[in-house]
Amino acid sequence: MPLQIIKSKIGNAEVFQIVECEIGFTLPSLLPDATQEKIKEIEWLKAPHINEDYSMNAVSQSFIVKLNNRLLVLDTCIGNDKIVEGAEDFTNMKLEYLEALETAGIDRTQVTDVFCSHLHFDHVGWNTYKQGGKWLPTFPNAKYHFAKGEYDYWKNESDNDPMKPIEDTSFKESVDPIVEAGLVNFIDVNTDLGDGFQVISTPGHTKSHVSLLVDAGKEKFILGGDMSHHQCQLANPDWAQTMDYDQKQSSETRRKVLTELNGTSTLFTCTHYTSPSFGKITKDANGKFVFNVVSKEIK
């Protein structure tokens, strides 16, 4: 089945979203504070981000940005033929991601950059694809940007992390082959990638989680990775995800970034936000953050 492709124009940037699959069914266990009763209290939160029964929607997707002769893919979903320990729904998937790239006019051999906000399995899957029993780089001419602290943590410090078994397999399938191919650019958590792409440190969900600030001329936008998993966490920054590396830090990061964005024209989104995915941040009369949806979609 063809995957959903969403195209937007933000400033001088063309932005594509390749939607791999729906993952909203995972959110009740990942965001236990976000009960349907509590979601109902967030007056600005509407469909399609929630359903009539106040359950949450979310997706696995990639953002692809064309800007200043760069073609950057941010977060590469779960991927096909991957083994996700304990998650049968995401294991050995057969989805038309590569076909969706072609339909969107994205030549994967022309991609200049792959940016992984962090190295969880659902953000690195299409780093590679399987051919002839081998894992090959999906974007063979790109620089793959990994935060050095993130990589080092999973390689050397994560023995007690509950994600360790999943990540060990994911690294073998989706990360190690990129390192072995010599395509990785290990970055600091605050790095200027040039041409309007600025790395910003947003730790908490993982040890060295990073987001991307894009200066597209007349407009700017932030691709926030898993800084939040659903818009409800913007109204309630203290609603941490159960698998956060440091829940207190993830909440502090959300509050810091939202405070900086409050009242500005900079657009904000995160990897798992259902479309329309972008919005501006303001505060309501009670001082709580509001996500004001801004659609930039080109039909």
Protein backbone atom coordinates (compact mmCIF):
# COMPACT_ATOMS: atom_id res chain seq x y z
CA MET A 1 0.00 0.00 0.00
CA PRO A 2 1.41 3.44 -0.93
CA LEU A 3 2.56 5.54 2.02
CA GLN A 4 1.22 9.00 2.74
CA ILE A 5 3.40 11.83 1.43
CA ILE A 6 2.90 15.36 2.74
CA LYS A 7 4.61 18.29 1.04
CA SER A 8 4.92 21.74 2.59
CA LYS A 9 6.61 25.03 1.77
CA ILE A 10 8.21 26.85 4.71
CA GLY A 11 10.20 29.92 3.73
CA ASN A 12 12.68 28.82 1.09
CA ALA A 13 12.50 25.18 2.17
CA GLU A 14 10.54 22.36 0.65
CA VAL A 15 9.56 19.90 3.38
CA PHE A 16 8.35 16.37 2.76
CA GLN A 17 6.90 13.99 5.32
CA ILE A 18 7.01 10.30 4.47
CA VAL A 19 4.55 8.65 6.88
CA GLU A 20 5.61 5.08 7.54
CA CYS A 21 2.84 3.87 9.86
CA GLU A 22 0.42 4.78 12.65
CA ILE A 23 1.79 4.28 16.18
CA GLY A 24 -0.86 5.95 18.33
CA PHE A 25 -1.72 2.63 19.96
CA THR A 26 1.65 2.74 21.79
CA LEU A 27 1.02 6.08 23.52
CA PRO A 28 -1.17 5.02 26.48
CA SER A 29 1.68 2.91 27.86
CA LEU A 30 4.37 5.45 26.96
CA LEU A 31 2.52 8.49 28.34
CA PRO A 32 0.58 7.17 31.36
CA ASP A 33 -0.24 10.69 32.60
CA ALA A 34 -2.07 11.42 29.36
CA THR A 35 -5.35 9.73 30.22
CA GLN A 36 -8.37 10.37 28.03
CA GLU A 37 -9.92 12.37 30.89
CA LYS A 38 -6.81 14.59 31.10
CA ILE A 39 -6.60 14.95 27.32
CA LYS A 40 -10.20 16.20 27.31
CA GLU A 41 -9.12 19.14 29.50
CA ILE A 42 -6.77 20.48 26.79
CA GLU A 43 -9.29 22.65 24.94
CA TRP A 44 -7.07 23.47 21.96
CA LEU A 45 -6.16 19.85 21.24
CA LYS A 46 -8.39 18.66 18.39
CA ALA A 47 -8.62 16.07 15.62
CA PRO A 48 -6.62 14.69 13.86
CA HIS A 49 -4.17 14.78 16.76
CA ILE A 50 -6.80 13.13 18.98
CA ASN A 51 -9.89 11.04 18.28
CA GLU A 52 -13.51 11.52 19.34
CA ASP A 53 -12.88 9.41 22.44
CA TYR A 54 -9.84 11.57 23.33
CA SER A 55 -7.34 8.84 22.51
CA MET A 56 -4.12 10.06 20.89
CA ASN A 57 -2.82 9.74 17.35
CA ALA A 58 0.84 9.56 16.38
CA VAL A 59 2.90 8.34 13.44
CA SER A 60 6.32 7.04 12.51
CA GLN A 61 7.65 9.33 9.78
CA SER A 62 10.65 11.02 8.22
CA PHE A 63 11.00 14.73 7.52
CA ILE A 64 12.94 15.58 4.36
CA VAL A 65 14.13 19.15 3.83
CA LYS A 66 15.32 20.66 0.53
CA LEU A 67 17.18 23.91 1.21
CA ASN A 68 20.25 25.68 -0.16
CA ASN A 69 21.39 22.76 -2.32
CA ARG A 70 21.11 20.39 0.64
CA LEU A 71 18.72 17.45 0.79
CA LEU A 72 18.42 16.36 4.41
CA VAL A 73 16.47 13.43 5.85
CA LEU A 74 15.62 13.73 9.54
CA ASP A 75 14.86 10.46 11.37
CA THR A 76 14.46 7.34 9.26
CA CYS A 77 11.60 5.50 10.96
CA ILE A 78 11.49 1.78 11.80
CA GLY A 79 12.42 0.28 8.45
CA ASN A 80 11.74 -2.96 6.63
CA ASP A 81 12.98 -6.40 7.66
CA LYS A 82 14.12 -5.15 11.07
CA ILE A 83 13.98 -7.17 14.28
CA VAL A 84 12.46 -5.16 17.12
CA GLU A 85 12.78 -7.26 20.26
CA GLY A 86 9.40 -7.68 21.97
CA ALA A 87 7.48 -5.65 19.36
CA GLU A 88 5.94 -7.93 16.75
CA ASP A 89 4.00 -5.05 15.18
CA PHE A 90 7.26 -3.44 14.10
CA THR A 91 9.26 -6.57 13.25
CA ASN A 92 9.84 -7.63 9.63
CA MET A 93 7.69 -4.87 8.20
CA LYS A 94 7.23 -4.65 4.44
CA LEU A 95 6.32 -1.06 3.67
CA GLU A 96 6.78 1.04 0.54
CA TYR A 97 9.11 3.68 1.98
CA LEU A 98 11.60 3.57 -0.89
CA GLU A 99 8.75 3.76 -3.38
CA ALA A 100 7.35 6.77 -1.50
CA LEU A 101 10.69 8.55 -1.87
CA GLU A 102 10.54 8.00 -5.62
CA THR A 103 6.93 9.19 -5.79
CA ALA A 104 7.94 12.35 -3.91
CA GLY A 105 10.73 12.95 -6.41
CA ILE A 106 13.46 12.22 -3.85
CA ASP A 107 16.49 10.50 -5.37
CA ARG A 108 18.05 8.73 -2.39
CA THR A 109 21.46 8.82 -4.07
CA GLN A 110 21.23 12.63 -4.05
CA VAL A 111 20.49 12.95 -0.33
CA THR A 112 23.33 14.97 1.21
CA ASP A 113 22.54 14.54 4.90
CA VAL A 114 20.79 12.12 7.23
CA PHE A 115 20.17 13.55 10.70
CA CYS A 116 19.17 11.23 13.53
CA SER A 117 17.72 13.12 16.50
CA HIS A 118 18.69 10.09 18.59
CA LEU A 119 19.47 6.43 17.99
CA HIS A 120 16.32 4.64 19.11
CA PHE A 121 15.24 1.92 16.69
CA ASP A 122 12.29 3.91 15.30
CA HIS A 123 14.52 6.81 14.22
CA VAL A 124 17.28 4.89 12.44
CA GLY A 125 15.51 2.04 10.62
CA TRP A 126 15.77 3.29 7.06
CA ASN A 127 19.41 4.21 7.56
CA THR A 128 19.84 0.84 5.88
CA TYR A 129 17.95 -1.62 3.73
CA LYS A 130 18.51 -5.33 3.23
CA GLN A 131 19.81 -6.67 -0.06
CA GLY A 132 21.41 -10.04 -0.64
CA GLY A 133 21.41 -10.71 3.08
CA LYS A 134 23.42 -7.56 3.82
CA TRP A 135 22.48 -4.23 5.36
CA LEU A 136 23.37 -1.44 2.94
CA PRO A 137 23.16 2.35 3.39
CA THR A 138 19.86 3.62 2.02
CA PHE A 139 21.43 7.00 1.29
CA PRO A 140 24.89 5.97 0.05
CA ASN A 141 26.23 9.47 -0.68
CA ALA A 142 25.00 11.19 2.48
CA LYS A 143 26.70 12.18 5.69
CA TYR A 144 24.86 10.53 8.56
CA HIS A 145 24.93 12.89 11.56
CA PHE A 146 24.94 11.14 14.95
CA ALA A 147 25.53 12.91 18.27
CA LYS A 148 28.81 11.50 19.58
CA GLY A 149 27.54 11.32 23.16
CA GLU A 150 24.47 9.40 21.99
CA TYR A 151 26.51 6.85 20.09
CA ASP A 152 29.00 6.40 22.93
CA TYR A 153 26.22 5.91 25.46
CA TRP A 154 24.61 3.02 23.58
CA LYS A 155 27.97 1.46 22.81
CA ASN A 156 29.62 1.78 26.22
CA GLU A 157 27.30 2.96 29.01
CA SER A 158 23.83 1.51 28.49
CA ASP A 159 23.98 -1.93 30.14
CA ASN A 160 21.21 -1.03 32.60
CA ASP A 161 19.03 0.81 30.10
CA PRO A 162 15.69 -0.98 29.48
CA MET A 163 16.08 -0.25 25.76
CA LYS A 164 19.45 -2.05 25.62
CA PRO A 165 18.25 -5.37 24.06
CA ILE A 166 16.29 -3.58 21.35
CA GLU A 167 19.13 -1.16 20.69
CA ASP A 168 21.77 -3.89 20.43
CA THR A 169 19.86 -5.46 17.55
CA SER A 170 19.00 -2.09 16.02
CA PHE A 171 22.66 -1.05 16.04
CA LYS A 172 23.67 -4.21 14.17
CA GLU A 173 21.02 -3.60 11.53
CA SER A 174 20.82 0.18 11.22
CA VAL A 175 23.81 1.92 12.84
CA ASP A 176 26.92 -0.27 12.67
CA PRO A 177 26.68 -0.70 8.86
CA ILE A 178 26.73 3.11 8.49
CA VAL A 179 29.80 3.40 10.69
CA GLU A 180 31.52 0.59 8.81
CA ALA A 181 30.75 2.32 5.50
CA GLY A 182 32.54 5.46 6.75
CA LEU A 183 29.44 7.63 6.33
CA VAL A 184 29.03 8.89 9.90
CA ASN A 185 29.75 12.44 10.96
CA PHE A 186 29.87 12.43 14.75
CA ILE A 187 28.62 15.79 15.96
CA ASP A 188 28.61 17.81 19.14
CA VAL A 189 25.18 18.58 20.58
CA ASN A 190 25.45 22.20 19.42
CA THR A 191 26.80 22.22 15.87
CA ASP A 192 26.25 24.42 12.82
CA LEU A 193 25.84 22.09 9.84
CA GLY A 194 25.81 25.04 7.45
CA ASP A 195 23.27 26.24 4.88
CA GLY A 196 20.70 27.09 7.54
CA PHE A 197 20.84 23.83 9.53
CA GLN A 198 21.71 24.26 13.22
CA VAL A 199 21.89 21.42 15.74
CA ILE A 200 20.44 22.23 19.17
CA SER A 201 20.82 20.21 22.35
CA THR A 202 17.51 18.80 23.67
CA PRO A 203 18.52 16.07 26.17
CA GLY A 204 16.30 13.96 28.35
CA HIS A 205 14.52 11.46 26.15
CA THR A 206 17.98 10.07 25.50
CA LYS A 207 21.30 11.13 26.93
CA SER A 208 22.38 13.27 23.97
CA HIS A 209 19.13 13.83 22.09
CA VAL A 210 19.40 16.64 19.54
CA SER A 211 16.94 18.66 17.47
CA LEU A 212 17.36 20.68 14.29
CA LEU A 213 16.70 24.39 13.85
CA VAL A 214 16.23 25.28 10.19
CA ASP A 215 16.64 28.87 8.99
CA ALA A 216 14.70 28.92 5.74
CA GLY A 217 14.99 32.64 5.04
CA LYS A 218 11.76 34.38 5.93
CA GLU A 219 10.71 31.52 8.19
CA LYS A 220 12.37 29.25 10.73
CA PHE A 221 11.28 25.90 12.10
CA ILE A 222 12.43 23.32 14.62
CA LEU A 223 12.28 19.58 14.00
CA GLY A 224 12.23 18.33 17.58
CA GLY A 225 12.68 14.58 17.23
CA ASP A 226 11.32 12.95 20.40
CA MET A 227 11.60 16.07 22.53
CA SER A 228 7.89 15.34 22.80
CA HIS A 229 5.88 12.42 21.47
CA HIS A 230 2.48 14.12 21.32
CA GLN A 231 1.17 17.67 21.45
CA CYS A 232 -0.42 17.01 24.85
CA GLN A 233 3.09 17.23 26.33
CA LEU A 234 3.25 20.87 25.26
CA ALA A 235 0.26 21.72 27.44
CA ASN A 236 1.80 19.58 30.17
CA PRO A 237 5.62 19.60 29.84
CA ASP A 238 5.96 17.47 32.99
CA TRP A 239 4.21 14.53 31.34
CA ALA A 240 7.31 12.43 30.75
CA GLN A 241 7.60 9.35 28.59
CA THR A 242 8.16 6.07 30.42
CA MET A 243 11.28 5.29 28.37
CA ASP A 244 12.94 8.69 28.84
CA TYR A 245 16.57 8.42 29.87
CA ASP A 246 15.99 11.22 32.40
CA GLN A 247 12.35 12.20 32.91
CA LYS A 248 13.15 15.32 34.91
CA GLN A 249 15.57 16.50 32.25
CA SER A 250 13.15 15.77 29.39
CA SER A 251 10.52 17.91 31.13
CA GLU A 252 13.03 20.69 31.73
CA THR A 253 14.06 20.58 28.07
CA ARG A 254 10.45 20.91 26.90
CA ARG A 255 9.80 23.81 29.22
CA LYS A 256 13.03 25.58 28.18
CA VAL A 257 12.41 25.24 24.43
CA LEU A 258 8.73 26.17 24.69
CA THR A 259 9.59 29.23 26.77
CA GLU A 260 12.07 30.33 24.10
CA LEU A 261 9.49 29.76 21.34
CA ASN A 262 6.58 31.43 23.15
CA GLY A 263 5.20 34.27 21.05
CA THR A 264 7.74 33.88 18.25
CA SER A 265 7.07 33.09 14.60
CA THR A 266 9.28 29.99 14.65
CA LEU A 267 7.35 26.85 13.75
CA PHE A 268 7.75 23.71 15.83
CA THR A 269 7.08 20.02 15.33
CA CYS A 270 8.30 16.62 16.49
CA THR A 271 8.85 13.41 14.60
CA HIS A 272 5.72 11.59 15.77
CA TYR A 273 3.22 14.44 15.31
CA THR A 274 0.32 13.62 13.01
CA SER A 275 -0.25 16.11 10.16
CA PRO A 276 -0.84 19.04 10.26
CA SER A 277 2.38 18.72 12.21
CA PHE A 278 3.67 22.28 12.51
CA GLY A 279 2.54 24.94 14.92
CA LYS A 280 3.50 28.11 16.78
CA ILE A 281 3.81 28.25 20.55
CA THR A 282 1.93 30.73 22.72
CA LYS A 283 0.54 30.74 26.26
CA ASP A 284 -3.10 30.82 27.33
CA ALA A 285 -4.64 32.98 30.05
CA ASN A 286 -3.52 30.47 32.67
CA GLY A 287 0.09 30.56 31.51
CA LYS A 288 -0.03 27.10 29.91
CA PHE A 289 1.58 26.49 26.55
CA VAL A 290 -0.61 26.23 23.47
CA PHE A 291 0.24 24.58 20.14
CA ASN A 292 -1.34 26.72 17.40
CA VAL A 293 -1.57 24.60 14.27
CA VAL A 294 -0.11 26.20 11.14
CA SER A 295 -0.63 24.31 7.90
CA LYS A 296 2.00 24.85 5.22
CA GLU A 297 0.87 21.89 3.16
CA ILE A 298 0.89 22.11 -0.61
CA LYS A 299 -2.00 20.13 -2.09
